[in-house]
Amino acid sequence: LRQAIAGTEDCEIEDITVRVRPMPADGRPAIGPL
């Protein structure tokens, strides 16, 4: 970020969120009766 955008040199990380994101195996939505 600091390399890409001027004026961010003093930015610091305030919060980190780590999550596992659900994904059907073929990458497409899965919606309907089962």
PDB file of all heavy atoms in Angstrom:
ATOM      1  N   LEU A   1       0.833  -1.205   0.000  1.00  0.00           N
ATOM      2  CA  LEU A   1       0.000   0.000   0.000  1.00  0.00           C
ATOM      3  C   LEU A   1       0.865   1.251   0.000  1.00  0.00           C
ATOM      4  O   LEU A   1       0.629   2.189  -0.781  1.00  0.00           O
ATOM      5  CB  LEU A   1      -0.916   0.002   1.224  1.00  0.00           C
ATOM      6  CG  LEU A   1      -1.795   1.250   1.391  1.00  0.00           C
ATOM      7  CD1 LEU A   1      -2.961   1.196   0.406  1.00  0.00           C
ATOM      8  CD2 LEU A   1      -2.321   1.370   2.828  1.00  0.00           C
ATOM      9  N   ARG A   2       1.882   1.283   0.861  1.00  0.00           N
ATOM     10  CA  ARG A   2       2.758   2.455   0.950  1.00  0.00           C
ATOM     11  C   ARG A   2       3.502   2.700  -0.364  1.00  0.00           C
ATOM     12  O   ARG A   2       3.761   3.848  -0.728  1.00  0.00           O
ATOM     13  CB  ARG A   2       3.754   2.264   2.094  1.00  0.00           C
ATOM     14  CG  ARG A   2       3.113   2.324   3.478  1.00  0.00           C
ATOM     15  CD  ARG A   2       4.096   1.905   4.549  1.00  0.00           C
ATOM     16  NE  ARG A   2       3.580   2.130   5.899  1.00  0.00           N
ATOM     17  CZ  ARG A   2       4.170   1.687   7.008  1.00  0.00           C
ATOM     18  NH1 ARG A   2       5.306   0.997   6.918  1.00  0.00           N
ATOM     19  NH2 ARG A   2       3.638   1.938   8.191  1.00  0.00           N
ATOM     20  N   GLN A   3       3.829   1.620  -1.077  1.00  0.00           N
ATOM     21  CA  GLN A   3       4.514   1.766  -2.352  1.00  0.00           C
ATOM     22  C   GLN A   3       3.569   2.209  -3.461  1.00  0.00           C
ATOM     23  O   GLN A   3       3.986   2.890  -4.400  1.00  0.00           O
ATOM     24  CB  GLN A   3       5.174   0.439  -2.732  1.00  0.00           C
ATOM     25  CG  GLN A   3       6.322   0.040  -1.812  1.00  0.00           C
ATOM     26  CD  GLN A   3       6.839  -1.357  -2.106  1.00  0.00           C
ATOM     27  OE1 GLN A   3       6.182  -2.144  -2.796  1.00  0.00           O
ATOM     28  NE2 GLN A   3       8.006  -1.686  -1.566  1.00  0.00           N
ATOM     29  N   ALA A   4       2.310   1.850  -3.342  1.00  0.00           N
ATOM     30  CA  ALA A   4       1.363   2.118  -4.430  1.00  0.00           C
ATOM     31  C   ALA A   4       0.687   3.472  -4.330  1.00  0.00           C
ATOM     32  O   ALA A   4       0.317   4.057  -5.358  1.00  0.00           O
ATOM     33  CB  ALA A   4       0.298   1.021  -4.459  1.00  0.00           C
ATOM     34  N   ILE A   5       0.515   3.988  -3.099  1.00  0.00           N
ATOM     35  CA  ILE A   5      -0.279   5.197  -2.911  1.00  0.00           C
ATOM     36  C   ILE A   5       0.489   6.192  -2.045  1.00  0.00           C
ATOM     37  O   ILE A   5       0.841   5.893  -0.889  1.00  0.00           O
ATOM     38  CB  ILE A   5      -1.639   4.874  -2.262  1.00  0.00           C
ATOM     39  CG1 ILE A   5      -2.414   3.911  -3.160  1.00  0.00           C
ATOM     40  CG2 ILE A   5      -2.446   6.136  -2.009  1.00  0.00           C
ATOM     41  CD1 ILE A   5      -3.704   3.428  -2.563  1.00  0.00           C
ATOM     42  N   ALA A   6       0.752   7.362  -2.594  1.00  0.00           N
ATOM     43  CA  ALA A   6       1.426   8.417  -1.830  1.00  0.00           C
ATOM     44  C   ALA A   6       0.527   8.894  -0.697  1.00  0.00           C
ATOM     45  O   ALA A   6      -0.701   8.915  -0.810  1.00  0.00           O
ATOM     46  CB  ALA A   6       1.764   9.580  -2.756  1.00  0.00           C
ATOM     47  N   GLY A   7       1.156   9.278   0.402  1.00  0.00           N
ATOM     48  CA  GLY A   7       0.390   9.756   1.542  1.00  0.00           C
ATOM     49  C   GLY A   7      -0.019   8.659   2.500  1.00  0.00           C
ATOM     50  O   GLY A   7      -0.756   8.909   3.465  1.00  0.00           O
ATOM     51  N   THR A   8       0.442   7.438   2.242  1.00  0.00           N
ATOM     52  CA  THR A   8       0.132   6.327   3.152  1.00  0.00           C
ATOM     53  C   THR A   8       1.351   5.907   3.967  1.00  0.00           C
ATOM     54  O   THR A   8       1.307   4.897   4.671  1.00  0.00           O
ATOM     55  CB  THR A   8      -0.384   5.109   2.364  1.00  0.00           C
ATOM     56  OG1 THR A   8       0.631   4.691   1.436  1.00  0.00           O
ATOM     57  CG2 THR A   8      -1.663   5.445   1.604  1.00  0.00           C
ATOM     58  N   GLU A   9       2.424   6.703   3.882  1.00  0.00           N
ATOM     59  CA  GLU A   9       3.665   6.319   4.558  1.00  0.00           C
ATOM     60  C   GLU A   9       3.487   6.183   6.067  1.00  0.00           C
ATOM     61  O   GLU A   9       4.189   5.386   6.719  1.00  0.00           O
ATOM     62  CB  GLU A   9       4.766   7.347   4.257  1.00  0.00           C
ATOM     63  CG  GLU A   9       5.165   7.428   2.800  1.00  0.00           C
ATOM     64  CD  GLU A   9       4.210   8.276   1.967  1.00  0.00           C
ATOM     65  OE1 GLU A   9       3.296   8.921   2.558  1.00  0.00           O
ATOM     66  OE2 GLU A   9       4.363   8.299   0.732  1.00  0.00           O
ATOM     67  N   ASP A  10       2.574   6.957   6.631  1.00  0.00           N
ATOM     68  CA  ASP A  10       2.354   6.905   8.071  1.00  0.00           C
ATOM     69  C   ASP A  10       1.212   5.975   8.473  1.00  0.00           C
ATOM     70  O   ASP A  10       0.893   5.854   9.654  1.00  0.00           O
ATOM     71  CB  ASP A  10       2.066   8.312   8.612  1.00  0.00           C
ATOM     72  CG  ASP A  10       3.280   9.237   8.484  1.00  0.00           C
ATOM     73  OD1 ASP A  10       4.413   8.718   8.517  1.00  0.00           O
ATOM     74  OD2 ASP A  10       3.085  10.455   8.338  1.00  0.00           O
ATOM     75  N   CYS A  11       0.578   5.337   7.496  1.00  0.00           N
ATOM     76  CA  CYS A  11      -0.498   4.389   7.811  1.00  0.00           C
ATOM     77  C   CYS A  11       0.076   3.175   8.553  1.00  0.00           C
ATOM     78  O   CYS A  11       1.164   2.689   8.213  1.00  0.00           O
ATOM     79  CB  CYS A  11      -1.190   3.917   6.542  1.00  0.00           C
ATOM     80  SG  CYS A  11      -2.236   5.156   5.749  1.00  0.00           S
ATOM     81  N   GLU A  12      -0.656   2.721   9.524  1.00  0.00           N
ATOM     82  CA  GLU A  12      -0.291   1.519  10.265  1.00  0.00           C
ATOM     83  C   GLU A  12      -1.489   0.570  10.293  1.00  0.00           C
ATOM     84  O   GLU A  12      -2.634   0.997  10.179  1.00  0.00           O
ATOM     85  CB  GLU A  12       0.129   1.863  11.699  1.00  0.00           C
ATOM     86  CG  GLU A  12       1.339   2.779  11.807  1.00  0.00           C
ATOM     87  CD  GLU A  12       2.640   2.116  11.365  1.00  0.00           C
ATOM     88  OE1 GLU A  12       2.656   0.867  11.217  1.00  0.00           O
ATOM     89  OE2 GLU A  12       3.632   2.845  11.158  1.00  0.00           O
ATOM     90  N   ILE A  13      -1.202  -0.702  10.471  1.00  0.00           N
ATOM     91  CA  ILE A  13      -2.276  -1.679  10.584  1.00  0.00           C
ATOM     92  C   ILE A  13      -2.984  -1.498  11.925  1.00  0.00           C
ATOM     93  O   ILE A  13      -2.365  -1.525  12.985  1.00  0.00           O
ATOM     94  CB  ILE A  13      -1.738  -3.120  10.474  1.00  0.00           C
ATOM     95  CG1 ILE A  13      -1.077  -3.345   9.113  1.00  0.00           C
ATOM     96  CG2 ILE A  13      -2.868  -4.123  10.707  1.00  0.00           C
ATOM     97  CD1 ILE A  13      -2.007  -3.270   7.938  1.00  0.00           C
ATOM     98  N   GLU A  14      -4.279  -1.288  11.879  1.00  0.00           N
ATOM     99  CA  GLU A  14      -5.070  -1.140  13.100  1.00  0.00           C
ATOM    100  C   GLU A  14      -5.851  -2.402  13.445  1.00  0.00           C
ATOM    101  O   GLU A  14      -6.140  -2.652  14.615  1.00  0.00           O
ATOM    102  CB  GLU A  14      -6.067   0.019  12.939  1.00  0.00           C
ATOM    103  CG  GLU A  14      -5.433   1.388  12.937  1.00  0.00           C
ATOM    104  CD  GLU A  14      -6.470   2.490  13.010  1.00  0.00           C
ATOM    105  OE1 GLU A  14      -7.619   2.277  12.563  1.00  0.00           O
ATOM    106  OE2 GLU A  14      -6.126   3.579  13.510  1.00  0.00           O
ATOM    107  N   ASP A  15      -6.194  -3.179  12.429  1.00  0.00           N
ATOM    108  CA  ASP A  15      -7.006  -4.370  12.697  1.00  0.00           C
ATOM    109  C   ASP A  15      -6.766  -5.397  11.598  1.00  0.00           C
ATOM    110  O   ASP A  15      -6.631  -5.040  10.418  1.00  0.00           O
ATOM    111  CB  ASP A  15      -8.493  -3.995  12.750  1.00  0.00           C
ATOM    112  CG  ASP A  15      -9.368  -5.169  13.124  1.00  0.00           C
ATOM    113  OD1 ASP A  15      -9.203  -5.701  14.237  1.00  0.00           O
ATOM    114  OD2 ASP A  15     -10.210  -5.572  12.299  1.00  0.00           O
ATOM    115  N   ILE A  16      -6.703  -6.657  11.992  1.00  0.00           N
ATOM    116  CA  ILE A  16      -6.536  -7.755  11.050  1.00  0.00           C
ATOM    117  C   ILE A  16      -7.697  -8.728  11.244  1.00  0.00           C
ATOM    118  O   ILE A  16      -7.989  -9.136  12.374  1.00  0.00           O
ATOM    119  CB  ILE A  16      -5.200  -8.501  11.272  1.00  0.00           C
ATOM    120  CG1 ILE A  16      -4.007  -7.561  11.088  1.00  0.00           C
ATOM    121  CG2 ILE A  16      -5.085  -9.695  10.328  1.00  0.00           C
ATOM    122  CD1 ILE A  16      -2.684  -8.186  11.502  1.00  0.00           C
ATOM    123  N   THR A  17      -8.352  -9.074  10.155  1.00  0.00           N
ATOM    124  CA  THR A  17      -9.421 -10.065  10.199  1.00  0.00           C
ATOM    125  C   THR A  17      -9.035 -11.218   9.296  1.00  0.00           C
ATOM    126  O   THR A  17      -8.764 -11.022   8.109  1.00  0.00           O
ATOM    127  CB  THR A  17     -10.760  -9.467   9.719  1.00  0.00           C
ATOM    128  OG1 THR A  17     -11.107  -8.358  10.547  1.00  0.00           O
ATOM    129  CG2 THR A  17     -11.869 -10.509   9.780  1.00  0.00           C
ATOM    130  N   VAL A  18      -8.993 -12.414   9.860  1.00  0.00           N
ATOM    131  CA  VAL A  18      -8.648 -13.617   9.110  1.00  0.00           C
ATOM    132  C   VAL A  18      -9.856 -14.546   9.120  1.00  0.00           C
ATOM    133  O   VAL A  18     -10.409 -14.839  10.184  1.00  0.00           O
ATOM    134  CB  VAL A  18      -7.422 -14.328   9.717  1.00  0.00           C
ATOM    135  CG1 VAL A  18      -7.120 -15.611   8.958  1.00  0.00           C
ATOM    136  CG2 VAL A  18      -6.214 -13.403   9.698  1.00  0.00           C
ATOM    137  N   ARG A  19     -10.273 -14.974   7.960  1.00  0.00           N
ATOM    138  CA  ARG A  19     -11.440 -15.848   7.850  1.00  0.00           C
ATOM    139  C   ARG A  19     -11.202 -16.887   6.759  1.00  0.00           C
ATOM    140  O   ARG A  19     -10.457 -16.650   5.795  1.00  0.00           O
ATOM    141  CB  ARG A  19     -12.700 -15.052   7.484  1.00  0.00           C
ATOM    142  CG  ARG A  19     -13.178 -14.097   8.561  1.00  0.00           C
ATOM    143  CD  ARG A  19     -13.752 -14.838   9.754  1.00  0.00           C
ATOM    144  NE  ARG A  19     -14.390 -13.933  10.697  1.00  0.00           N
ATOM    145  CZ  ARG A  19     -13.774 -13.297  11.682  1.00  0.00           C
ATOM    146  NH1 ARG A  19     -12.466 -13.464  11.834  1.00  0.00           N
ATOM    147  NH2 ARG A  19     -14.438 -12.516  12.506  1.00  0.00           N
ATOM    148  N   VAL A  20     -11.856 -18.027   6.919  1.00  0.00           N
ATOM    149  CA  VAL A  20     -11.932 -19.013   5.847  1.00  0.00           C
ATOM    150  C   VAL A  20     -13.218 -18.747   5.090  1.00  0.00           C
ATOM    151  O   VAL A  20     -14.301 -18.698   5.673  1.00  0.00           O
ATOM    152  CB  VAL A  20     -11.912 -20.446   6.400  1.00  0.00           C
ATOM    153  CG1 VAL A  20     -12.040 -21.449   5.254  1.00  0.00           C
ATOM    154  CG2 VAL A  20     -10.633 -20.695   7.172  1.00  0.00           C
ATOM    155  N   ARG A  21     -13.101 -18.550   3.799  1.00  0.00           N
ATOM    156  CA  ARG A  21     -14.243 -18.161   2.980  1.00  0.00           C
ATOM    157  C   ARG A  21     -14.850 -19.395   2.317  1.00  0.00           C
ATOM    158  O   ARG A  21     -14.136 -20.162   1.663  1.00  0.00           O
ATOM    159  CB  ARG A  21     -13.794 -17.151   1.920  1.00  0.00           C
ATOM    160  CG  ARG A  21     -13.259 -15.867   2.547  1.00  0.00           C
ATOM    161  CD  ARG A  21     -12.399 -15.071   1.601  1.00  0.00           C
ATOM    162  NE  ARG A  21     -11.930 -13.826   2.208  1.00  0.00           N
ATOM    163  CZ  ARG A  21     -10.975 -13.057   1.717  1.00  0.00           C
ATOM    164  NH1 ARG A  21     -10.373 -13.408   0.593  1.00  0.00           N
ATOM    165  NH2 ARG A  21     -10.617 -11.949   2.338  1.00  0.00           N
ATOM    166  N   PRO A  22     -16.148 -19.614   2.483  1.00  0.00           N
ATOM    167  CA  PRO A  22     -16.776 -20.813   1.909  1.00  0.00           C
ATOM    168  C   PRO A  22     -16.790 -20.766   0.394  1.00  0.00           C
ATOM    169  O   PRO A  22     -17.064 -19.723  -0.205  1.00  0.00           O
ATOM    170  CB  PRO A  22     -18.195 -20.772   2.486  1.00  0.00           C
ATOM    171  CG  PRO A  22     -18.436 -19.326   2.811  1.00  0.00           C
ATOM    172  CD  PRO A  22     -17.106 -18.766   3.207  1.00  0.00           C
ATOM    173  N   MET A  23     -16.511 -21.922  -0.215  1.00  0.00           N
ATOM    174  CA  MET A  23     -16.460 -21.996  -1.670  1.00  0.00           C
ATOM    175  C   MET A  23     -16.858 -23.405  -2.119  1.00  0.00           C
ATOM    176  O   MET A  23     -16.197 -24.381  -1.753  1.00  0.00           O
ATOM    177  CB  MET A  23     -15.043 -21.704  -2.169  1.00  0.00           C
ATOM    178  CG  MET A  23     -14.876 -21.831  -3.670  1.00  0.00           C
ATOM    179  SD  MET A  23     -15.378 -20.363  -4.555  1.00  0.00           S
ATOM    180  CE  MET A  23     -13.973 -19.290  -4.179  1.00  0.00           C
ATOM    181  N   PRO A  24     -17.946 -23.556  -2.872  1.00  0.00           N
ATOM    182  CA  PRO A  24     -18.210 -24.864  -3.484  1.00  0.00           C
ATOM    183  C   PRO A  24     -17.010 -25.306  -4.310  1.00  0.00           C
ATOM    184  O   PRO A  24     -16.267 -24.479  -4.843  1.00  0.00           O
ATOM    185  CB  PRO A  24     -19.441 -24.587  -4.355  1.00  0.00           C
ATOM    186  CG  PRO A  24     -20.124 -23.433  -3.680  1.00  0.00           C
ATOM    187  CD  PRO A  24     -19.002 -22.578  -3.171  1.00  0.00           C
ATOM    188  N   ALA A  25     -16.826 -26.605  -4.419  1.00  0.00           N
ATOM    189  CA  ALA A  25     -15.587 -27.144  -4.982  1.00  0.00           C
ATOM    190  C   ALA A  25     -15.310 -26.677  -6.394  1.00  0.00           C
ATOM    191  O   ALA A  25     -14.141 -26.549  -6.790  1.00  0.00           O
ATOM    192  CB  ALA A  25     -15.621 -28.672  -4.932  1.00  0.00           C
ATOM    193  N   ASP A  26     -16.347 -26.412  -7.190  1.00  0.00           N
ATOM    194  CA  ASP A  26     -16.109 -25.973  -8.564  1.00  0.00           C
ATOM    195  C   ASP A  26     -16.151 -24.460  -8.718  1.00  0.00           C
ATOM    196  O   ASP A  26     -16.105 -23.939  -9.834  1.00  0.00           O
ATOM    197  CB  ASP A  26     -17.102 -26.628  -9.532  1.00  0.00           C
ATOM    198  CG  ASP A  26     -18.551 -26.272  -9.223  1.00  0.00           C
ATOM    199  OD1 ASP A  26     -18.790 -25.504  -8.277  1.00  0.00           O
ATOM    200  OD2 ASP A  26     -19.451 -26.781  -9.928  1.00  0.00           O
ATOM    201  N   GLY A  27     -16.224 -23.735  -7.615  1.00  0.00           N
ATOM    202  CA  GLY A  27     -16.143 -22.279  -7.642  1.00  0.00           C
ATOM    203  C   GLY A  27     -17.427 -21.561  -7.981  1.00  0.00           C
ATOM    204  O   GLY A  27     -17.466 -20.328  -7.963  1.00  0.00           O
ATOM    205  N   ARG A  28     -18.490 -22.304  -8.287  1.00  0.00           N
ATOM    206  CA  ARG A  28     -19.751 -21.678  -8.668  1.00  0.00           C
ATOM    207  C   ARG A  28     -20.766 -21.769  -7.533  1.00  0.00           C
ATOM    208  O   ARG A  28     -20.630 -22.595  -6.636  1.00  0.00           O
ATOM    209  CB  ARG A  28     -20.303 -22.345  -9.941  1.00  0.00           C
ATOM    210  CG  ARG A  28     -19.481 -22.030 -11.188  1.00  0.00           C
ATOM    211  CD  ARG A  28     -19.921 -22.910 -12.359  1.00  0.00           C
ATOM    212  NE  ARG A  28     -19.341 -22.454 -13.622  1.00  0.00           N
ATOM    213  CZ  ARG A  28     -18.115 -22.715 -14.015  1.00  0.00           C
ATOM    214  NH1 ARG A  28     -17.312 -23.415 -13.246  1.00  0.00           N
ATOM    215  NH2 ARG A  28     -17.665 -22.284 -15.176  1.00  0.00           N
ATOM    216  N   PRO A  29     -21.811 -20.956  -7.574  1.00  0.00           N
ATOM    217  CA  PRO A  29     -22.819 -21.025  -6.514  1.00  0.00           C
ATOM    218  C   PRO A  29     -23.467 -22.401  -6.440  1.00  0.00           C
ATOM    219  O   PRO A  29     -23.533 -23.140  -7.428  1.00  0.00           O
ATOM    220  CB  PRO A  29     -23.850 -19.970  -6.939  1.00  0.00           C
ATOM    221  CG  PRO A  29     -23.113 -19.045  -7.857  1.00  0.00           C
ATOM    222  CD  PRO A  29     -22.104 -19.893  -8.567  1.00  0.00           C
ATOM    223  N   ALA A  30     -23.927 -22.735  -5.248  1.00  0.00           N
ATOM    224  CA  ALA A  30     -24.716 -23.952  -5.032  1.00  0.00           C
ATOM    225  C   ALA A  30     -25.973 -23.528  -4.297  1.00  0.00           C
ATOM    226  O   ALA A  30     -25.920 -23.171  -3.110  1.00  0.00           O
ATOM    227  CB  ALA A  30     -23.924 -24.970  -4.229  1.00  0.00           C
ATOM    228  N   ILE A  31     -27.103 -23.557  -4.988  1.00  0.00           N
ATOM    229  CA  ILE A  31     -28.342 -23.017  -4.440  1.00  0.00           C
ATOM    230  C   ILE A  31     -29.502 -23.906  -4.866  1.00  0.00           C
ATOM    231  O   ILE A  31     -29.703 -24.133  -6.057  1.00  0.00           O
ATOM    232  CB  ILE A  31     -28.609 -21.580  -4.937  1.00  0.00           C
ATOM    233  CG1 ILE A  31     -27.414 -20.668  -4.606  1.00  0.00           C
ATOM    234  CG2 ILE A  31     -29.880 -21.012  -4.328  1.00  0.00           C
ATOM    235  CD1 ILE A  31     -27.479 -19.292  -5.264  1.00  0.00           C
ATOM    236  N   GLY A  32     -30.255 -24.413  -3.884  1.00  0.00           N
ATOM    237  CA  GLY A  32     -31.434 -25.183  -4.221  1.00  0.00           C
ATOM    238  C   GLY A  32     -31.706 -26.309  -3.251  1.00  0.00           C
ATOM    239  O   GLY A  32     -30.979 -26.512  -2.274  1.00  0.00           O
ATOM    240  N   PRO A  33     -32.766 -27.082  -3.504  1.00  0.00           N
ATOM    241  CA  PRO A  33     -33.119 -28.206  -2.631  1.00  0.00           C
ATOM    242  C   PRO A  33     -32.046 -29.287  -2.673  1.00  0.00           C
ATOM    243  O   PRO A  33     -31.378 -29.493  -3.692  1.00  0.00           O
ATOM    244  CB  PRO A  33     -34.428 -28.724  -3.238  1.00  0.00           C
ATOM    245  CG  PRO A  33     -34.929 -27.621  -4.108  1.00  0.00           C
ATOM    246  CD  PRO A  33     -33.718 -26.902  -4.600  1.00  0.00           C
ATOM    247  N   LEU A  34     -31.888 -29.977  -1.551  1.00  0.00           N
ATOM    248  CA  LEU A  34     -30.934 -31.079  -1.477  1.00  0.00           C
ATOM    249  C   LEU A  34     -31.391 -32.030  -0.382  1.00  0.00           C
ATOM    250  O   LEU A  34     -31.710 -31.600   0.729  1.00  0.00           O
ATOM    251  CB  LEU A  34     -29.531 -30.563  -1.183  1.00  0.00           C
ATOM    252  CG  LEU A  34     -28.409 -31.612  -1.193  1.00  0.00           C
ATOM    253  CD1 LEU A  34     -28.209 -32.163  -2.605  1.00  0.00           C
ATOM    254  CD2 LEU A  34     -27.094 -31.028  -0.678  1.00  0.00           C
TER     255      LEU A  34
END
